Amino acid sequence: MALLRIEKNNGIATVSLNRPDKRNAMSFALLKELVATAKKIEKDRSIRCVILTGEAQVFSAGIDLSDLNNPKNTAFAAWELIKPGQSLFQKAFLIWQNLPIPVIAAIEGYCFGAGMQLALAADIRIATPSTQMSIMESRWGLVPDMGLTRSLKGLIGVDLAKELTLTARIFDAEYAKKIGLVTHLDNDPLAKANTIAQEILQRSPDAIMAAKRVLDAMEHQPEKSLRLEKLWQLKLLLGKNSALARKKDKNPEIEFLPRQYK
């Protein structure tokens, strides 16, 4: 059985974690598949938006502890943690944040630990009010090491980030929405995600990519954000989709060309 189920529909790729018998827990094999799938999506310019979700009405219950506790994986995990650059555990999540297209997480059921870190790597998060969430790693004697220090930055204050991380407290999505971890509450998060994705598809794919790059820089590279605003605006003005966008405003039937920039 494929660990990820991918469905493409008119520019929207829905990527579903597909380990329903394990509540979509993140095995090492699934982490590798997340990286491989994101790389394929990045190269496919027909895809304009990604929705991340989970099968069986569960986003993810976190890391697969049977994989984590398996002595056969000890050497592999140790190498990933000491090698230069991003580990597999970081790349599997941050690669979604770095995609040149918007990523929306449609969340329900459980969103614990590694599942939470995947959701935080999305640009927009939609959850059912009753979704159970937790930065759970300290419960297992671990520290969040899947890019949380980047993906959580700017969403909540560091004091609250510490409280939720140190306690491994489980909270519902209504509280998550209140503090800023969730963008929208909806009883059908997948439908809401598709509605937002359809709105995004009405805009120039190059403008969407540039906006994501500039806004990410605002949070993670503030010293470069103003320069990037100018750089991307120049690229857009020289590109083909910008002119089409202005024509499309009066004639909605006009279609954009595939994304010009990387």
C-alpha atoms as a PDB file:
ATOM      1  CA  MET A   1       0.000   0.000   0.000  1.00  0.00           C
ATOM      2  CA  ALA A   2       1.308   3.432  -0.961  1.00  0.00           C
ATOM      3  CA  LEU A   3       2.259   5.518   2.059  1.00  0.00           C
ATOM      4  CA  LEU A   4       0.989   8.655   0.330  1.00  0.00           C
ATOM      5  CA  ARG A   5      -2.070   8.924  -1.864  1.00  0.00           C
ATOM      6  CA  ILE A   6      -1.838  11.691  -4.471  1.00  0.00           C
ATOM      7  CA  GLU A   7      -4.785  13.032  -6.436  1.00  0.00           C
ATOM      8  CA  LYS A   8      -4.393  15.775  -9.049  1.00  0.00           C
ATOM      9  CA  ASN A   9      -7.389  17.814 -10.132  1.00  0.00           C
ATOM     10  CA  ASN A  10      -7.197  20.950 -12.291  1.00  0.00           C
ATOM     11  CA  GLY A  11      -3.998  22.294 -10.780  1.00  0.00           C
ATOM     12  CA  ILE A  12      -4.636  21.119  -7.209  1.00  0.00           C
ATOM     13  CA  ALA A  13      -2.675  18.183  -5.798  1.00  0.00           C
ATOM     14  CA  THR A  14      -4.194  16.553  -2.726  1.00  0.00           C
ATOM     15  CA  VAL A  15      -1.552  14.576  -0.835  1.00  0.00           C
ATOM     16  CA  SER A  16      -2.969  12.228   1.790  1.00  0.00           C
ATOM     17  CA  LEU A  17      -0.980  10.417   4.468  1.00  0.00           C
ATOM     18  CA  ASN A  18      -2.056   6.828   3.930  1.00  0.00           C
ATOM     19  CA  ARG A  19      -1.361   4.694   6.978  1.00  0.00           C
ATOM     20  CA  PRO A  20      -4.894   4.541   8.396  1.00  0.00           C
ATOM     21  CA  ASP A  21      -4.134   1.438  10.471  1.00  0.00           C
ATOM     22  CA  LYS A  22      -1.421   3.463  12.259  1.00  0.00           C
ATOM     23  CA  ARG A  23      -3.450   6.695  12.468  1.00  0.00           C
ATOM     24  CA  ASN A  24      -1.072   8.000   9.783  1.00  0.00           C
ATOM     25  CA  ALA A  25       1.924   7.820  12.104  1.00  0.00           C
ATOM     26  CA  MET A  26       5.170   8.956  10.481  1.00  0.00           C
ATOM     27  CA  SER A  27       7.446   5.995   9.760  1.00  0.00           C
ATOM     28  CA  PHE A  28      10.950   6.606   8.428  1.00  0.00           C
ATOM     29  CA  ALA A  29       9.734   5.300   5.047  1.00  0.00           C
ATOM     30  CA  LEU A  30       6.898   7.838   5.058  1.00  0.00           C
ATOM     31  CA  LEU A  31       9.339  10.652   5.816  1.00  0.00           C
ATOM     32  CA  LYS A  32      11.389   9.648   2.764  1.00  0.00           C
ATOM     33  CA  GLU A  33       8.234   9.515   0.671  1.00  0.00           C
ATOM     34  CA  LEU A  34       7.239  13.014   1.796  1.00  0.00           C
ATOM     35  CA  VAL A  35      10.568  14.339   0.506  1.00  0.00           C
ATOM     36  CA  ALA A  36      10.342  12.459  -2.806  1.00  0.00           C
ATOM     37  CA  THR A  37       6.761  13.571  -3.403  1.00  0.00           C
ATOM     38  CA  ALA A  38       7.482  17.226  -2.658  1.00  0.00           C
ATOM     39  CA  LYS A  39      10.401  17.140  -5.113  1.00  0.00           C
ATOM     40  CA  LYS A  40       8.121  15.748  -7.842  1.00  0.00           C
ATOM     41  CA  ILE A  41       5.505  18.411  -7.142  1.00  0.00           C
ATOM     42  CA  GLU A  42       8.117  21.158  -7.289  1.00  0.00           C
ATOM     43  CA  LYS A  43       9.057  20.078 -10.820  1.00  0.00           C
ATOM     44  CA  ASP A  44       5.451  19.790 -12.028  1.00  0.00           C
ATOM     45  CA  ARG A  45       4.402  23.285 -13.040  1.00  0.00           C
ATOM     46  CA  SER A  46       0.869  22.142 -13.784  1.00  0.00           C
ATOM     47  CA  ILE A  47       0.355  21.900 -10.008  1.00  0.00           C
ATOM     48  CA  ARG A  48      -0.630  25.299  -8.610  1.00  0.00           C
ATOM     49  CA  CYS A  49      -1.607  24.420  -5.039  1.00  0.00           C
ATOM     50  CA  VAL A  50      -1.146  21.495  -2.621  1.00  0.00           C
ATOM     51  CA  ILE A  51      -3.519  20.227   0.039  1.00  0.00           C
ATOM     52  CA  LEU A  52      -2.002  18.033   2.754  1.00  0.00           C
ATOM     53  CA  THR A  53      -4.406  15.765   4.627  1.00  0.00           C
ATOM     54  CA  GLY A  54      -4.721  12.303   6.141  1.00  0.00           C
ATOM     55  CA  GLU A  55      -6.797   9.229   5.364  1.00  0.00           C
ATOM     56  CA  ALA A  56      -9.483   7.883   7.699  1.00  0.00           C
ATOM     57  CA  GLN A  57     -10.302  11.340   9.134  1.00  0.00           C
ATOM     58  CA  VAL A  58      -6.980  11.561  10.963  1.00  0.00           C
ATOM     59  CA  PHE A  59      -4.154  13.911  10.037  1.00  0.00           C
ATOM     60  CA  SER A  60      -1.332  12.183  11.920  1.00  0.00           C
ATOM     61  CA  ALA A  61      -0.829  10.769  15.416  1.00  0.00           C
ATOM     62  CA  GLY A  62       2.893  11.643  15.253  1.00  0.00           C
ATOM     63  CA  ILE A  63       6.129   9.742  14.819  1.00  0.00           C
ATOM     64  CA  ASP A  64       5.875   5.951  14.524  1.00  0.00           C
ATOM     65  CA  LEU A  65       7.364   4.877  17.846  1.00  0.00           C
ATOM     66  CA  SER A  66       7.969   1.335  16.604  1.00  0.00           C
ATOM     67  CA  ASP A  67      10.333   2.760  13.980  1.00  0.00           C
ATOM     68  CA  LEU A  68      11.912   5.111  16.473  1.00  0.00           C
ATOM     69  CA  ASN A  69      12.516   2.330  19.000  1.00  0.00           C
ATOM     70  CA  ASN A  70      13.788  -0.216  16.466  1.00  0.00           C
ATOM     71  CA  PRO A  71      17.547  -0.831  17.085  1.00  0.00           C
ATOM     72  CA  LYS A  72      17.987  -1.347  13.324  1.00  0.00           C
ATOM     73  CA  ASN A  73      17.235   2.362  12.823  1.00  0.00           C
ATOM     74  CA  THR A  74      19.644   3.663  15.461  1.00  0.00           C
ATOM     75  CA  ALA A  75      22.639   4.153  13.178  1.00  0.00           C
ATOM     76  CA  PHE A  76      20.519   5.746  10.444  1.00  0.00           C
ATOM     77  CA  ALA A  77      18.888   8.175  12.884  1.00  0.00           C
ATOM     78  CA  ALA A  78      22.232   9.053  14.481  1.00  0.00           C
ATOM     79  CA  TRP A  79      23.782   9.850  11.101  1.00  0.00           C
ATOM     80  CA  GLU A  80      20.833  12.041  10.143  1.00  0.00           C
ATOM     81  CA  LEU A  81      21.280  14.010  13.362  1.00  0.00           C
ATOM     82  CA  ILE A  82      25.036  14.540  13.072  1.00  0.00           C
ATOM     83  CA  LYS A  83      25.484  15.044   9.328  1.00  0.00           C
ATOM     84  CA  PRO A  84      25.823  18.611   7.979  1.00  0.00           C
ATOM     85  CA  GLY A  85      22.723  20.368   6.708  1.00  0.00           C
ATOM     86  CA  GLN A  86      19.116  19.399   7.208  1.00  0.00           C
ATOM     87  CA  SER A  87      18.324  15.944   8.532  1.00  0.00           C
ATOM     88  CA  LEU A  88      15.678  13.781   6.874  1.00  0.00           C
ATOM     89  CA  PHE A  89      13.447  14.624   9.838  1.00  0.00           C
ATOM     90  CA  GLN A  90      13.721  18.346   9.078  1.00  0.00           C
ATOM     91  CA  LYS A  91      13.664  18.101   5.294  1.00  0.00           C
ATOM     92  CA  ALA A  92      10.496  15.961   5.218  1.00  0.00           C
ATOM     93  CA  PHE A  93       8.578  18.912   6.644  1.00  0.00           C
ATOM     94  CA  LEU A  94      10.436  22.070   5.636  1.00  0.00           C
ATOM     95  CA  ILE A  95      10.477  20.998   1.994  1.00  0.00           C
ATOM     96  CA  TRP A  96       6.722  21.706   1.926  1.00  0.00           C
ATOM     97  CA  GLN A  97       7.234  25.158   3.384  1.00  0.00           C
ATOM     98  CA  ASN A  98       9.833  25.852   0.683  1.00  0.00           C
ATOM     99  CA  LEU A  99       7.675  24.802  -2.277  1.00  0.00           C
ATOM    100  CA  PRO A 100       7.055  27.611  -4.797  1.00  0.00           C
ATOM    101  CA  ILE A 101       3.291  27.042  -4.502  1.00  0.00           C
ATOM    102  CA  PRO A 102       0.855  27.411  -1.593  1.00  0.00           C
ATOM    103  CA  VAL A 103       0.403  24.447   0.740  1.00  0.00           C
ATOM    104  CA  ILE A 104      -2.836  24.076   2.720  1.00  0.00           C
ATOM    105  CA  ALA A 105      -3.208  21.563   5.555  1.00  0.00           C
ATOM    106  CA  ALA A 106      -6.691  20.086   6.035  1.00  0.00           C
ATOM    107  CA  ILE A 107      -6.629  18.660   9.550  1.00  0.00           C
ATOM    108  CA  GLU A 108      -8.980  16.494  11.600  1.00  0.00           C
ATOM    109  CA  GLY A 109      -8.802  13.798  14.226  1.00  0.00           C
ATOM    110  CA  TYR A 110      -5.299  13.822  15.693  1.00  0.00           C
ATOM    111  CA  CYS A 111      -2.451  16.189  14.897  1.00  0.00           C
ATOM    112  CA  PHE A 112       0.317  15.217  17.316  1.00  0.00           C
ATOM    113  CA  GLY A 113       4.099  15.580  17.334  1.00  0.00           C
ATOM    114  CA  ALA A 114       5.428  14.997  13.837  1.00  0.00           C
ATOM    115  CA  GLY A 115       1.917  15.535  12.481  1.00  0.00           C
ATOM    116  CA  MET A 116       1.844  18.939  14.136  1.00  0.00           C
ATOM    117  CA  GLN A 117       5.199  19.819  12.630  1.00  0.00           C
ATOM    118  CA  LEU A 118       3.957  18.862   9.143  1.00  0.00           C
ATOM    119  CA  ALA A 119       0.850  21.002   9.618  1.00  0.00           C
ATOM    120  CA  LEU A 120       2.974  23.944  10.769  1.00  0.00           C
ATOM    121  CA  ALA A 121       5.021  23.688   7.553  1.00  0.00           C
ATOM    122  CA  ALA A 122       1.887  24.493   5.534  1.00  0.00           C
ATOM    123  CA  ASP A 123       1.045  28.061   4.561  1.00  0.00           C
ATOM    124  CA  ILE A 124      -2.576  27.764   5.713  1.00  0.00           C
ATOM    125  CA  ARG A 125      -4.086  25.377   8.276  1.00  0.00           C
ATOM    126  CA  ILE A 126      -7.765  24.406   8.439  1.00  0.00           C
ATOM    127  CA  ALA A 127      -9.035  22.109  11.181  1.00  0.00           C
ATOM    128  CA  THR A 128     -12.275  20.777  12.591  1.00  0.00           C
ATOM    129  CA  PRO A 129     -13.030  22.415  15.963  1.00  0.00           C
ATOM    130  CA  SER A 130     -12.628  19.084  17.756  1.00  0.00           C
ATOM    131  CA  THR A 131      -9.226  18.206  16.249  1.00  0.00           C
ATOM    132  CA  GLN A 132      -6.793  17.203  18.996  1.00  0.00           C
ATOM    133  CA  MET A 133      -3.359  18.818  18.685  1.00  0.00           C
ATOM    134  CA  SER A 134      -0.088  18.688  20.589  1.00  0.00           C
ATOM    135  CA  ILE A 135       3.616  19.459  20.348  1.00  0.00           C
ATOM    136  CA  MET A 136       4.089  16.073  21.943  1.00  0.00           C
ATOM    137  CA  GLU A 137       7.801  15.252  21.721  1.00  0.00           C
ATOM    138  CA  SER A 138       8.656  15.909  25.368  1.00  0.00           C
ATOM    139  CA  ARG A 139       6.200  13.161  26.351  1.00  0.00           C
ATOM    140  CA  TRP A 140       8.612  10.700  24.721  1.00  0.00           C
ATOM    141  CA  GLY A 141      11.717  12.354  26.188  1.00  0.00           C
ATOM    142  CA  LEU A 142      12.499  14.108  22.908  1.00  0.00           C
ATOM    143  CA  VAL A 143      12.762  17.630  21.525  1.00  0.00           C
ATOM    144  CA  PRO A 144      10.915  18.781  18.382  1.00  0.00           C
ATOM    145  CA  ASP A 145      13.558  18.423  15.649  1.00  0.00           C
ATOM    146  CA  MET A 146      11.549  18.565  12.434  1.00  0.00           C
ATOM    147  CA  GLY A 147      11.958  22.236  11.646  1.00  0.00           C
ATOM    148  CA  LEU A 148       9.670  23.506  14.404  1.00  0.00           C
ATOM    149  CA  THR A 149      12.024  26.377  15.254  1.00  0.00           C
ATOM    150  CA  ARG A 150      11.426  27.704  11.760  1.00  0.00           C
ATOM    151  CA  SER A 151       7.807  26.716  11.074  1.00  0.00           C
ATOM    152  CA  LEU A 152       6.473  27.878  14.461  1.00  0.00           C
ATOM    153  CA  LYS A 153       8.288  31.221  14.367  1.00  0.00           C
ATOM    154  CA  GLY A 154       5.952  34.165  14.081  1.00  0.00           C
ATOM    155  CA  LEU A 155       2.773  32.198  14.753  1.00  0.00           C
ATOM    156  CA  ILE A 156       2.766  32.453  18.557  1.00  0.00           C
ATOM    157  CA  GLY A 157       4.935  34.090  21.212  1.00  0.00           C
ATOM    158  CA  VAL A 158       8.021  32.251  22.401  1.00  0.00           C
ATOM    159  CA  ASP A 159       6.600  32.006  25.925  1.00  0.00           C
ATOM    160  CA  LEU A 160       3.520  30.149  24.717  1.00  0.00           C
ATOM    161  CA  ALA A 161       5.659  28.035  22.368  1.00  0.00           C
ATOM    162  CA  LYS A 162       7.721  27.003  25.381  1.00  0.00           C
ATOM    163  CA  GLU A 163       4.661  26.211  27.474  1.00  0.00           C
ATOM    164  CA  LEU A 164       3.083  23.978  24.808  1.00  0.00           C
ATOM    165  CA  THR A 165       6.397  22.267  24.038  1.00  0.00           C
ATOM    166  CA  LEU A 166       7.464  21.715  27.655  1.00  0.00           C
ATOM    167  CA  THR A 167       4.091  20.370  28.782  1.00  0.00           C
ATOM    168  CA  ALA A 168       3.244  18.335  25.638  1.00  0.00           C
ATOM    169  CA  ARG A 169      -0.317  19.418  26.443  1.00  0.00           C
ATOM    170  CA  ILE A 170      -3.133  18.188  24.194  1.00  0.00           C
ATOM    171  CA  PHE A 171      -5.500  20.965  23.117  1.00  0.00           C
ATOM    172  CA  ASP A 172      -8.319  21.271  20.617  1.00  0.00           C
ATOM    173  CA  ALA A 173      -8.333  23.253  17.400  1.00  0.00           C
ATOM    174  CA  GLU A 174     -10.619  25.916  18.851  1.00  0.00           C
ATOM    175  CA  TYR A 175      -7.813  26.835  21.243  1.00  0.00           C
ATOM    176  CA  ALA A 176      -5.291  26.526  18.404  1.00  0.00           C
ATOM    177  CA  LYS A 177      -7.334  29.012  16.374  1.00  0.00           C
ATOM    178  CA  LYS A 178      -7.491  31.392  19.331  1.00  0.00           C
ATOM    179  CA  ILE A 179      -3.706  31.475  19.742  1.00  0.00           C
ATOM    180  CA  GLY A 180      -2.885  31.529  16.018  1.00  0.00           C
ATOM    181  CA  LEU A 181      -1.778  27.967  15.217  1.00  0.00           C
ATOM    182  CA  VAL A 182      -4.824  27.338  13.029  1.00  0.00           C
ATOM    183  CA  THR A 183      -5.999  29.669  10.260  1.00  0.00           C
ATOM    184  CA  HIS A 184      -9.635  28.516   9.961  1.00  0.00           C
ATOM    185  CA  LEU A 185     -12.045  26.212  11.772  1.00  0.00           C
ATOM    186  CA  ASP A 186     -14.386  24.207   9.567  1.00  0.00           C
ATOM    187  CA  ASN A 187     -16.384  21.008   9.951  1.00  0.00           C
ATOM    188  CA  ASP A 188     -15.196  19.966   6.486  1.00  0.00           C
ATOM    189  CA  PRO A 189     -11.574  21.143   6.306  1.00  0.00           C
ATOM    190  CA  LEU A 190     -10.898  19.417   2.982  1.00  0.00           C
ATOM    191  CA  ALA A 191     -13.801  21.215   1.298  1.00  0.00           C
ATOM    192  CA  LYS A 192     -12.691  24.533   2.790  1.00  0.00           C
ATOM    193  CA  ALA A 193      -9.133  23.886   1.593  1.00  0.00           C
ATOM    194  CA  ASN A 194     -10.396  23.237  -1.928  1.00  0.00           C
ATOM    195  CA  THR A 195     -12.430  26.451  -1.862  1.00  0.00           C
ATOM    196  CA  ILE A 196      -9.345  28.481  -0.942  1.00  0.00           C
ATOM    197  CA  ALA A 197      -7.260  26.612  -3.519  1.00  0.00           C
ATOM    198  CA  GLN A 198      -9.804  27.472  -6.215  1.00  0.00           C
ATOM    199  CA  GLU A 199      -9.496  31.146  -5.271  1.00  0.00           C
ATOM    200  CA  ILE A 200      -5.714  30.930  -5.544  1.00  0.00           C
ATOM    201  CA  LEU A 201      -6.014  29.365  -8.997  1.00  0.00           C
ATOM    202  CA  GLN A 202      -7.651  32.577 -10.240  1.00  0.00           C
ATOM    203  CA  ARG A 203      -4.366  34.446  -9.735  1.00  0.00           C
ATOM    204  CA  SER A 204      -1.102  34.432 -11.672  1.00  0.00           C
ATOM    205  CA  PRO A 205       1.032  31.431 -10.640  1.00  0.00           C
ATOM    206  CA  ASP A 206       4.122  33.641 -10.765  1.00  0.00           C
ATOM    207  CA  ALA A 207       2.539  36.300  -8.556  1.00  0.00           C
ATOM    208  CA  ILE A 208       1.472  33.632  -6.049  1.00  0.00           C
ATOM    209  CA  MET A 209       4.990  32.207  -5.882  1.00  0.00           C
ATOM    210  CA  ALA A 210       6.555  35.667  -5.531  1.00  0.00           C
ATOM    211  CA  ALA A 211       4.112  36.636  -2.771  1.00  0.00           C
ATOM    212  CA  LYS A 212       4.930  33.466  -0.838  1.00  0.00           C
ATOM    213  CA  ARG A 213       8.661  34.114  -1.181  1.00  0.00           C
ATOM    214  CA  VAL A 214       8.372  37.747  -0.044  1.00  0.00           C
ATOM    215  CA  LEU A 215       6.107  36.976   2.921  1.00  0.00           C
ATOM    216  CA  ASP A 216       8.336  34.101   4.046  1.00  0.00           C
ATOM    217  CA  ALA A 217      11.316  36.470   3.885  1.00  0.00           C
ATOM    218  CA  MET A 218       9.393  38.962   6.024  1.00  0.00           C
ATOM    219  CA  GLU A 219       9.407  36.336   8.786  1.00  0.00           C
ATOM    220  CA  HIS A 220      12.667  34.466   8.253  1.00  0.00           C
ATOM    221  CA  GLN A 221      14.947  36.877   6.358  1.00  0.00           C
ATOM    222  CA  PRO A 222      13.730  40.372   7.307  1.00  0.00           C
ATOM    223  CA  GLU A 223      17.015  41.945   6.237  1.00  0.00           C
ATOM    224  CA  LYS A 224      16.299  40.779   2.671  1.00  0.00           C
ATOM    225  CA  SER A 225      12.545  41.285   2.439  1.00  0.00           C
ATOM    226  CA  LEU A 226      12.532  44.823   1.008  1.00  0.00           C
ATOM    227  CA  ARG A 227      15.096  43.900  -1.633  1.00  0.00           C
ATOM    228  CA  LEU A 228      13.086  40.814  -2.541  1.00  0.00           C
ATOM    229  CA  GLU A 229       9.940  42.915  -2.961  1.00  0.00           C
ATOM    230  CA  LYS A 230      11.702  44.958  -5.634  1.00  0.00           C
ATOM    231  CA  LEU A 231      13.386  41.977  -7.267  1.00  0.00           C
ATOM    232  CA  TRP A 232      10.216  39.940  -7.593  1.00  0.00           C
ATOM    233  CA  GLN A 233       8.191  42.910  -8.790  1.00  0.00           C
ATOM    234  CA  LEU A 234      10.695  43.486 -11.572  1.00  0.00           C
ATOM    235  CA  LYS A 235      10.585  39.808 -12.553  1.00  0.00           C
ATOM    236  CA  LEU A 236       6.790  39.822 -12.592  1.00  0.00           C
ATOM    237  CA  LEU A 237       6.593  42.967 -14.725  1.00  0.00           C
ATOM    238  CA  LEU A 238       8.970  41.378 -17.220  1.00  0.00           C
ATOM    239  CA  GLY A 239       7.036  38.115 -17.227  1.00  0.00           C
ATOM    240  CA  LYS A 240       4.055  37.028 -19.305  1.00  0.00           C
ATOM    241  CA  ASN A 241       1.545  36.137 -16.576  1.00  0.00           C
ATOM    242  CA  SER A 242       1.488  39.650 -15.113  1.00  0.00           C
ATOM    243  CA  ALA A 243       0.108  41.058 -18.368  1.00  0.00           C
ATOM    244  CA  LEU A 244      -2.372  38.191 -18.568  1.00  0.00           C
ATOM    245  CA  ALA A 245      -3.535  38.920 -15.019  1.00  0.00           C
ATOM    246  CA  ARG A 246      -4.504  42.466 -15.968  1.00  0.00           C
ATOM    247  CA  LYS A 247      -6.394  41.196 -19.011  1.00  0.00           C
ATOM    248  CA  LYS A 248      -8.025  38.419 -16.991  1.00  0.00           C
ATOM    249  CA  ASP A 249      -9.426  41.000 -14.578  1.00  0.00           C
ATOM    250  CA  LYS A 250     -11.747  42.116 -17.407  1.00  0.00           C
ATOM    251  CA  ASN A 251     -11.986  38.770 -19.187  1.00  0.00           C
ATOM    252  CA  PRO A 252     -12.118  35.865 -16.686  1.00  0.00           C
ATOM    253  CA  GLU A 253     -11.943  33.317 -19.516  1.00  0.00           C
ATOM    254  CA  ILE A 254      -8.265  34.092 -20.099  1.00  0.00           C
ATOM    255  CA  GLU A 255      -5.982  31.313 -18.815  1.00  0.00           C
ATOM    256  CA  PHE A 256      -2.550  31.791 -17.302  1.00  0.00           C
ATOM    257  CA  LEU A 257       0.570  30.235 -18.735  1.00  0.00           C
ATOM    258  CA  PRO A 258       2.510  27.714 -16.611  1.00  0.00           C
ATOM    259  CA  ARG A 259       4.625  29.281 -13.876  1.00  0.00           C
ATOM    260  CA  GLN A 260       7.582  31.044 -15.477  1.00  0.00           C
ATOM    261  CA  TYR A 261       9.902  31.335 -12.484  1.00  0.00           C
ATOM    262  CA  LYS A 262      11.333  28.803 -10.041  1.00  0.00           C
END
